[in-house]
Amino acid sequence: MIFNHIKTNRMKKITIIICSLILLFNYSCSTSKSKVFDERTSTHKRIAVLPFQSKLKLTDKQKAKLTSAEIQSAEQEQGKQVQDAVESYLAGKNLRVTIQSSGTTNSKLRNAGIDLKTIGEQDYSKLAKIVGVDAVVGGYIETQKPMDEKLAMGLNVAKGLEKTLLGSAFGSNVNTSTNKGMCRVSVFEGQQGDRLWTYTQDIEMGVGSTTQDIVNNLMRRGARKFPYKN
């Protein structure tokens, strides 16, 4: 009977852990692809990833500790980090187009006097011409704090650390989400700046996640539907 009781408690703990993991990694996503994508991109050879528009949804208490300039700087830095991570991810995939480096892209944007803080409000056909590509990948990311833990600590807006489940050795290895948000990735063709493909996903980040980790996870989920495949 004692053995059965221990076994029953163990099964309950395992069930709770599994349910917690399901909740932890639960997400919603959506994909939209233009019917004319293949036609409009058939001659594309080179694309570039732009800095992402970034929004930090800080609490009033967190905002009180920071200046507007500090928040804006952190948002811009996060946008560049996501850009680098997306470019790095795509560069390693077997696509029928070449991915221009983010360093080259940003250098051309700066030389043209483009304000990266308002990159999402720009004419995408103009941006494609400036950076010299057939299409651009742009996007928007919104998080409750900076995705990068070092940046969050530097701004003193990091939330809690790892939370354990059940108090067991097994449960202590399960992280709860400490940062939530959403990300939208889109492809804009360079001639008219039309949006031809979009992938949107809610994201949940645990302790220790890097920007590259989060973007890799995001892109893997949408990779089966990402265009320009060979």
C-alpha atoms as a PDB file:
ATOM      1  CA  MET A   1       0.000   0.000   0.000  1.00  0.00           C
ATOM      2  CA  ILE A   2       2.851   2.364   0.850  1.00  0.00           C
ATOM      3  CA  PHE A   3       4.437   1.572  -2.524  1.00  0.00           C
ATOM      4  CA  ASN A   4       1.156   2.273  -4.304  1.00  0.00           C
ATOM      5  CA  HIS A   5       0.792   5.576  -2.454  1.00  0.00           C
ATOM      6  CA  ILE A   6       4.319   6.663  -3.447  1.00  0.00           C
ATOM      7  CA  LYS A   7       3.690   5.567  -7.029  1.00  0.00           C
ATOM      8  CA  THR A   8       0.400   7.497  -7.142  1.00  0.00           C
ATOM      9  CA  ASN A   9       2.034  10.686  -5.811  1.00  0.00           C
ATOM     10  CA  ARG A  10       4.861  10.326  -8.315  1.00  0.00           C
ATOM     11  CA  MET A  11       2.404   9.996 -11.200  1.00  0.00           C
ATOM     12  CA  LYS A  12       0.515  13.070  -9.994  1.00  0.00           C
ATOM     13  CA  LYS A  13       3.763  15.069  -9.951  1.00  0.00           C
ATOM     14  CA  ILE A  14       4.685  13.914 -13.447  1.00  0.00           C
ATOM     15  CA  THR A  15       1.205  14.823 -14.692  1.00  0.00           C
ATOM     16  CA  ILE A  16       1.469  18.299 -13.152  1.00  0.00           C
ATOM     17  CA  ILE A  17       4.895  18.814 -14.734  1.00  0.00           C
ATOM     18  CA  ILE A  18       3.636  17.741 -18.169  1.00  0.00           C
ATOM     19  CA  CYS A  19       0.630  20.059 -17.892  1.00  0.00           C
ATOM     20  CA  SER A  20       2.923  22.886 -16.793  1.00  0.00           C
ATOM     21  CA  LEU A  21       5.201  22.312 -19.779  1.00  0.00           C
ATOM     22  CA  ILE A  22       2.213  22.356 -22.129  1.00  0.00           C
ATOM     23  CA  LEU A  23       1.109  25.683 -20.673  1.00  0.00           C
ATOM     24  CA  LEU A  24       4.660  27.024 -20.727  1.00  0.00           C
ATOM     25  CA  PHE A  25       5.184  26.372 -24.418  1.00  0.00           C
ATOM     26  CA  ASN A  26       1.639  27.105 -25.551  1.00  0.00           C
ATOM     27  CA  TYR A  27       1.552  29.779 -28.229  1.00  0.00           C
ATOM     28  CA  SER A  28      -0.596  31.137 -31.004  1.00  0.00           C
ATOM     29  CA  CYS A  29       0.592  31.999 -34.478  1.00  0.00           C
ATOM     30  CA  SER A  30      -0.712  32.928 -37.891  1.00  0.00           C
ATOM     31  CA  THR A  31       0.726  33.024 -41.405  1.00  0.00           C
ATOM     32  CA  SER A  32      -0.397  34.961 -44.451  1.00  0.00           C
ATOM     33  CA  LYS A  33       1.063  34.564 -47.952  1.00  0.00           C
ATOM     34  CA  SER A  34      -0.005  36.545 -51.005  1.00  0.00           C
ATOM     35  CA  LYS A  35      -1.402  34.546 -53.910  1.00  0.00           C
ATOM     36  CA  VAL A  36       0.996  36.387 -56.211  1.00  0.00           C
ATOM     37  CA  PHE A  37       4.098  35.755 -54.080  1.00  0.00           C
ATOM     38  CA  ASP A  38       5.702  33.241 -56.447  1.00  0.00           C
ATOM     39  CA  GLU A  39       4.957  35.393 -59.481  1.00  0.00           C
ATOM     40  CA  ARG A  40       6.252  38.624 -57.916  1.00  0.00           C
ATOM     41  CA  THR A  41       9.426  37.046 -56.505  1.00  0.00           C
ATOM     42  CA  SER A  42      10.411  34.642 -59.312  1.00  0.00           C
ATOM     43  CA  THR A  43      13.424  36.784 -60.291  1.00  0.00           C
ATOM     44  CA  HIS A  44      14.540  37.688 -56.775  1.00  0.00           C
ATOM     45  CA  LYS A  45      18.179  36.938 -56.027  1.00  0.00           C
ATOM     46  CA  ARG A  46      19.055  38.982 -52.933  1.00  0.00           C
ATOM     47  CA  ILE A  47      17.091  40.053 -49.842  1.00  0.00           C
ATOM     48  CA  ALA A  48      17.965  41.959 -46.676  1.00  0.00           C
ATOM     49  CA  VAL A  49      16.699  41.917 -43.099  1.00  0.00           C
ATOM     50  CA  LEU A  50      15.953  45.378 -41.689  1.00  0.00           C
ATOM     51  CA  PRO A  51      16.223  46.436 -38.033  1.00  0.00           C
ATOM     52  CA  PHE A  52      12.961  45.488 -36.341  1.00  0.00           C
ATOM     53  CA  GLN A  53      10.620  47.962 -34.739  1.00  0.00           C
ATOM     54  CA  SER A  54      10.778  47.191 -31.035  1.00  0.00           C
ATOM     55  CA  LYS A  55       8.429  48.102 -28.198  1.00  0.00           C
ATOM     56  CA  LEU A  56       9.082  47.535 -24.494  1.00  0.00           C
ATOM     57  CA  LYS A  57       5.828  47.326 -22.512  1.00  0.00           C
ATOM     58  CA  LEU A  58       7.334  48.372 -19.209  1.00  0.00           C
ATOM     59  CA  THR A  59       5.311  48.898 -16.059  1.00  0.00           C
ATOM     60  CA  ASP A  60       4.831  52.418 -14.699  1.00  0.00           C
ATOM     61  CA  LYS A  61       7.221  51.541 -11.872  1.00  0.00           C
ATOM     62  CA  GLN A  62       9.892  50.455 -14.342  1.00  0.00           C
ATOM     63  CA  LYS A  63       9.367  53.530 -16.522  1.00  0.00           C
ATOM     64  CA  ALA A  64       9.796  55.785 -13.499  1.00  0.00           C
ATOM     65  CA  LYS A  65      13.393  54.594 -13.145  1.00  0.00           C
ATOM     66  CA  LEU A  66      14.297  55.353 -16.759  1.00  0.00           C
ATOM     67  CA  THR A  67      14.462  58.335 -19.053  1.00  0.00           C
ATOM     68  CA  SER A  68      12.668  58.363 -22.397  1.00  0.00           C
ATOM     69  CA  ALA A  69      16.069  58.345 -24.103  1.00  0.00           C
ATOM     70  CA  GLU A  70      17.123  55.197 -22.217  1.00  0.00           C
ATOM     71  CA  ILE A  71      13.923  53.369 -23.163  1.00  0.00           C
ATOM     72  CA  GLN A  72      14.217  54.447 -26.792  1.00  0.00           C
ATOM     73  CA  SER A  73      17.858  53.359 -26.897  1.00  0.00           C
ATOM     74  CA  ALA A  74      16.982  49.951 -25.407  1.00  0.00           C
ATOM     75  CA  GLU A  75      14.174  49.469 -27.927  1.00  0.00           C
ATOM     76  CA  GLN A  76      16.475  50.346 -30.816  1.00  0.00           C
ATOM     77  CA  GLU A  77      19.173  47.996 -29.530  1.00  0.00           C
ATOM     78  CA  GLN A  78      16.649  45.171 -29.223  1.00  0.00           C
ATOM     79  CA  GLY A  79      15.455  45.827 -32.777  1.00  0.00           C
ATOM     80  CA  LYS A  80      19.021  45.454 -34.041  1.00  0.00           C
ATOM     81  CA  GLN A  81      19.549  42.288 -32.018  1.00  0.00           C
ATOM     82  CA  VAL A  82      16.454  40.706 -33.560  1.00  0.00           C
ATOM     83  CA  GLN A  83      17.604  41.818 -37.015  1.00  0.00           C
ATOM     84  CA  ASP A  84      20.998  40.142 -36.480  1.00  0.00           C
ATOM     85  CA  ALA A  85      19.372  36.972 -35.156  1.00  0.00           C
ATOM     86  CA  VAL A  86      16.902  36.673 -38.061  1.00  0.00           C
ATOM     87  CA  GLU A  87      19.651  37.367 -40.621  1.00  0.00           C
ATOM     88  CA  SER A  88      21.898  34.770 -38.983  1.00  0.00           C
ATOM     89  CA  TYR A  89      19.108  32.194 -38.984  1.00  0.00           C
ATOM     90  CA  LEU A  90      18.156  32.737 -42.629  1.00  0.00           C
ATOM     91  CA  ALA A  91      21.783  32.785 -43.785  1.00  0.00           C
ATOM     92  CA  GLY A  92      22.152  29.206 -42.597  1.00  0.00           C
ATOM     93  CA  LYS A  93      19.133  27.926 -44.528  1.00  0.00           C
ATOM     94  CA  ASN A  94      18.929  26.510 -48.044  1.00  0.00           C
ATOM     95  CA  LEU A  95      17.096  29.393 -49.711  1.00  0.00           C
ATOM     96  CA  ARG A  96      17.020  30.363 -53.378  1.00  0.00           C
ATOM     97  CA  VAL A  97      18.083  33.920 -52.515  1.00  0.00           C
ATOM     98  CA  THR A  98      21.200  35.379 -50.923  1.00  0.00           C
ATOM     99  CA  ILE A  99      20.825  37.044 -47.516  1.00  0.00           C
ATOM    100  CA  GLN A 100      22.668  40.350 -47.241  1.00  0.00           C
ATOM    101  CA  SER A 101      24.545  40.856 -43.973  1.00  0.00           C
ATOM    102  CA  SER A 102      22.878  43.154 -41.430  1.00  0.00           C
ATOM    103  CA  GLY A 103      26.105  45.144 -41.131  1.00  0.00           C
ATOM    104  CA  THR A 104      26.031  45.992 -44.843  1.00  0.00           C
ATOM    105  CA  THR A 105      22.321  46.783 -44.666  1.00  0.00           C
ATOM    106  CA  ASN A 106      22.640  49.126 -41.680  1.00  0.00           C
ATOM    107  CA  SER A 107      25.669  50.879 -43.167  1.00  0.00           C
ATOM    108  CA  LYS A 108      23.717  51.681 -46.337  1.00  0.00           C
ATOM    109  CA  LEU A 109      20.716  52.876 -44.296  1.00  0.00           C
ATOM    110  CA  ARG A 110      22.878  55.191 -42.177  1.00  0.00           C
ATOM    111  CA  ASN A 111      24.657  56.589 -45.243  1.00  0.00           C
ATOM    112  CA  ALA A 112      21.248  57.385 -46.749  1.00  0.00           C
ATOM    113  CA  GLY A 113      20.189  59.223 -43.586  1.00  0.00           C
ATOM    114  CA  ILE A 114      17.448  56.743 -42.641  1.00  0.00           C
ATOM    115  CA  ASP A 115      16.315  57.072 -39.019  1.00  0.00           C
ATOM    116  CA  LEU A 116      16.307  53.523 -37.632  1.00  0.00           C
ATOM    117  CA  LYS A 117      13.943  54.572 -34.830  1.00  0.00           C
ATOM    118  CA  THR A 118      11.142  54.966 -37.372  1.00  0.00           C
ATOM    119  CA  ILE A 119      12.165  52.155 -39.718  1.00  0.00           C
ATOM    120  CA  GLY A 120       8.664  50.639 -39.691  1.00  0.00           C
ATOM    121  CA  GLU A 121       7.132  53.865 -40.987  1.00  0.00           C
ATOM    122  CA  GLN A 122       9.378  54.064 -44.046  1.00  0.00           C
ATOM    123  CA  ASP A 123       8.533  53.258 -47.677  1.00  0.00           C
ATOM    124  CA  TYR A 124       9.755  49.662 -48.087  1.00  0.00           C
ATOM    125  CA  SER A 125      10.312  50.061 -51.825  1.00  0.00           C
ATOM    126  CA  LYS A 126      12.594  52.988 -51.045  1.00  0.00           C
ATOM    127  CA  LEU A 127      14.446  50.994 -48.393  1.00  0.00           C
ATOM    128  CA  ALA A 128      14.929  48.066 -50.782  1.00  0.00           C
ATOM    129  CA  LYS A 129      16.501  50.399 -53.356  1.00  0.00           C
ATOM    130  CA  ILE A 130      18.756  51.995 -50.735  1.00  0.00           C
ATOM    131  CA  VAL A 131      20.140  48.691 -49.508  1.00  0.00           C
ATOM    132  CA  GLY A 132      20.282  47.238 -53.040  1.00  0.00           C
ATOM    133  CA  VAL A 133      18.075  44.159 -52.776  1.00  0.00           C
ATOM    134  CA  ASP A 134      14.992  42.667 -54.428  1.00  0.00           C
ATOM    135  CA  ALA A 135      12.989  42.437 -51.205  1.00  0.00           C
ATOM    136  CA  VAL A 136      13.320  43.233 -47.528  1.00  0.00           C
ATOM    137  CA  VAL A 137      12.350  41.351 -44.390  1.00  0.00           C
ATOM    138  CA  GLY A 138      11.000  43.653 -41.712  1.00  0.00           C
ATOM    139  CA  GLY A 139       9.073  43.225 -38.520  1.00  0.00           C
ATOM    140  CA  TYR A 140       7.818  44.291 -35.136  1.00  0.00           C
ATOM    141  CA  ILE A 141       8.574  42.824 -31.732  1.00  0.00           C
ATOM    142  CA  GLU A 142       6.932  43.691 -28.419  1.00  0.00           C
ATOM    143  CA  THR A 143       8.136  42.396 -25.052  1.00  0.00           C
ATOM    144  CA  GLN A 144       7.544  43.117 -21.384  1.00  0.00           C
ATOM    145  CA  LYS A 145      11.249  43.721 -20.825  1.00  0.00           C
ATOM    146  CA  PRO A 146      14.385  43.506 -22.980  1.00  0.00           C
ATOM    147  CA  MET A 147      14.924  40.036 -24.429  1.00  0.00           C
ATOM    148  CA  ASP A 148      18.613  40.251 -23.621  1.00  0.00           C
ATOM    149  CA  GLU A 149      19.179  39.620 -19.891  1.00  0.00           C
ATOM    150  CA  LYS A 150      22.285  41.830 -19.769  1.00  0.00           C
ATOM    151  CA  LEU A 151      20.371  44.730 -21.285  1.00  0.00           C
ATOM    152  CA  ALA A 152      17.504  44.143 -18.861  1.00  0.00           C
ATOM    153  CA  MET A 153      19.858  44.110 -15.873  1.00  0.00           C
ATOM    154  CA  GLY A 154      21.590  47.219 -17.172  1.00  0.00           C
ATOM    155  CA  LEU A 155      18.235  49.002 -17.232  1.00  0.00           C
ATOM    156  CA  ASN A 156      17.315  47.491 -13.863  1.00  0.00           C
ATOM    157  CA  VAL A 157      13.989  46.194 -15.173  1.00  0.00           C
ATOM    158  CA  ALA A 158      14.621  42.452 -14.907  1.00  0.00           C
ATOM    159  CA  LYS A 159      11.780  40.572 -13.248  1.00  0.00           C
ATOM    160  CA  GLY A 160      12.003  37.395 -11.156  1.00  0.00           C
ATOM    161  CA  LEU A 161      14.540  34.642 -11.499  1.00  0.00           C
ATOM    162  CA  GLU A 162      13.852  30.948 -12.038  1.00  0.00           C
ATOM    163  CA  LYS A 163      10.766  29.565 -10.313  1.00  0.00           C
ATOM    164  CA  THR A 164      10.749  25.867  -9.428  1.00  0.00           C
ATOM    165  CA  LEU A 165       7.849  23.457  -9.589  1.00  0.00           C
ATOM    166  CA  LEU A 166       6.961  20.928  -6.883  1.00  0.00           C
ATOM    167  CA  GLY A 167      10.221  21.475  -5.034  1.00  0.00           C
ATOM    168  CA  SER A 168      11.692  18.350  -6.601  1.00  0.00           C
ATOM    169  CA  ALA A 169      14.989  17.905  -8.416  1.00  0.00           C
ATOM    170  CA  PHE A 170      13.048  17.205 -11.605  1.00  0.00           C
ATOM    171  CA  GLY A 171      10.760  20.153 -11.150  1.00  0.00           C
ATOM    172  CA  SER A 172      13.605  22.528 -10.360  1.00  0.00           C
ATOM    173  CA  ASN A 173      14.814  22.199 -13.937  1.00  0.00           C
ATOM    174  CA  VAL A 174      11.557  23.586 -15.336  1.00  0.00           C
ATOM    175  CA  ASN A 175      11.548  27.325 -15.913  1.00  0.00           C
ATOM    176  CA  THR A 176       8.434  29.417 -15.944  1.00  0.00           C
ATOM    177  CA  SER A 177       8.037  32.218 -18.452  1.00  0.00           C
ATOM    178  CA  THR A 178       9.403  35.538 -17.191  1.00  0.00           C
ATOM    179  CA  ASN A 179       8.814  37.637 -20.291  1.00  0.00           C
ATOM    180  CA  LYS A 180       5.956  37.569 -22.784  1.00  0.00           C
ATOM    181  CA  GLY A 181       5.351  39.334 -26.054  1.00  0.00           C
ATOM    182  CA  MET A 182       4.668  38.999 -29.759  1.00  0.00           C
ATOM    183  CA  CYS A 183       6.674  39.116 -32.953  1.00  0.00           C
ATOM    184  CA  ARG A 184       5.679  39.764 -36.555  1.00  0.00           C
ATOM    185  CA  VAL A 185       7.984  38.994 -39.498  1.00  0.00           C
ATOM    186  CA  SER A 186       7.072  40.167 -43.011  1.00  0.00           C
ATOM    187  CA  VAL A 187       8.512  40.087 -46.536  1.00  0.00           C
ATOM    188  CA  PHE A 188       8.069  43.241 -48.643  1.00  0.00           C
ATOM    189  CA  GLU A 189       8.899  43.178 -52.353  1.00  0.00           C
ATOM    190  CA  GLY A 190      11.181  45.935 -53.562  1.00  0.00           C
ATOM    191  CA  GLN A 191       9.345  47.324 -56.584  1.00  0.00           C
ATOM    192  CA  GLN A 192       6.174  48.588 -54.944  1.00  0.00           C
ATOM    193  CA  GLY A 193       6.807  47.779 -51.295  1.00  0.00           C
ATOM    194  CA  ASP A 194       3.872  45.378 -51.071  1.00  0.00           C
ATOM    195  CA  ARG A 195       3.665  42.966 -48.145  1.00  0.00           C
ATOM    196  CA  LEU A 196       3.763  39.482 -49.663  1.00  0.00           C
ATOM    197  CA  TRP A 197       4.214  37.271 -46.596  1.00  0.00           C
ATOM    198  CA  THR A 198       3.689  37.646 -42.848  1.00  0.00           C
ATOM    199  CA  TYR A 199       4.224  35.381 -39.862  1.00  0.00           C
ATOM    200  CA  THR A 200       2.951  36.469 -36.433  1.00  0.00           C
ATOM    201  CA  GLN A 201       3.521  34.620 -33.185  1.00  0.00           C
ATOM    202  CA  ASP A 202       3.067  35.131 -29.467  1.00  0.00           C
ATOM    203  CA  ILE A 203       6.290  34.414 -27.602  1.00  0.00           C
ATOM    204  CA  GLU A 204       7.160  33.383 -24.058  1.00  0.00           C
ATOM    205  CA  MET A 205      10.712  33.684 -22.803  1.00  0.00           C
ATOM    206  CA  GLY A 206      12.270  31.868 -19.883  1.00  0.00           C
ATOM    207  CA  VAL A 207      15.270  32.791 -17.745  1.00  0.00           C
ATOM    208  CA  GLY A 208      18.571  32.635 -19.600  1.00  0.00           C
ATOM    209  CA  SER A 209      17.060  32.848 -23.081  1.00  0.00           C
ATOM    210  CA  THR A 210      19.176  34.801 -25.548  1.00  0.00           C
ATOM    211  CA  THR A 211      17.819  36.831 -28.436  1.00  0.00           C
ATOM    212  CA  GLN A 212      19.219  34.239 -30.857  1.00  0.00           C
ATOM    213  CA  ASP A 213      17.532  31.398 -28.911  1.00  0.00           C
ATOM    214  CA  ILE A 214      14.175  33.142 -29.053  1.00  0.00           C
ATOM    215  CA  VAL A 215      14.444  34.031 -32.744  1.00  0.00           C
ATOM    216  CA  ASN A 216      15.615  30.511 -33.642  1.00  0.00           C
ATOM    217  CA  ASN A 217      12.580  29.077 -31.868  1.00  0.00           C
ATOM    218  CA  LEU A 218      10.301  31.615 -33.545  1.00  0.00           C
ATOM    219  CA  MET A 219      11.701  30.993 -37.029  1.00  0.00           C
ATOM    220  CA  ARG A 220      11.691  27.214 -36.629  1.00  0.00           C
ATOM    221  CA  ARG A 221       7.970  27.311 -35.959  1.00  0.00           C
ATOM    222  CA  GLY A 222       7.400  29.382 -39.083  1.00  0.00           C
ATOM    223  CA  ALA A 223      10.180  27.854 -41.202  1.00  0.00           C
ATOM    224  CA  ARG A 224       7.920  25.378 -42.978  1.00  0.00           C
ATOM    225  CA  LYS A 225       5.960  28.314 -44.354  1.00  0.00           C
ATOM    226  CA  PHE A 226       8.842  30.734 -44.907  1.00  0.00           C
ATOM    227  CA  PRO A 227       9.100  31.619 -48.636  1.00  0.00           C
ATOM    228  CA  TYR A 228      12.143  31.517 -50.928  1.00  0.00           C
ATOM    229  CA  LYS A 229      12.779  27.851 -50.283  1.00  0.00           C
ATOM    230  CA  ASN A 230      14.860  25.980 -52.832  1.00  0.00           C
END
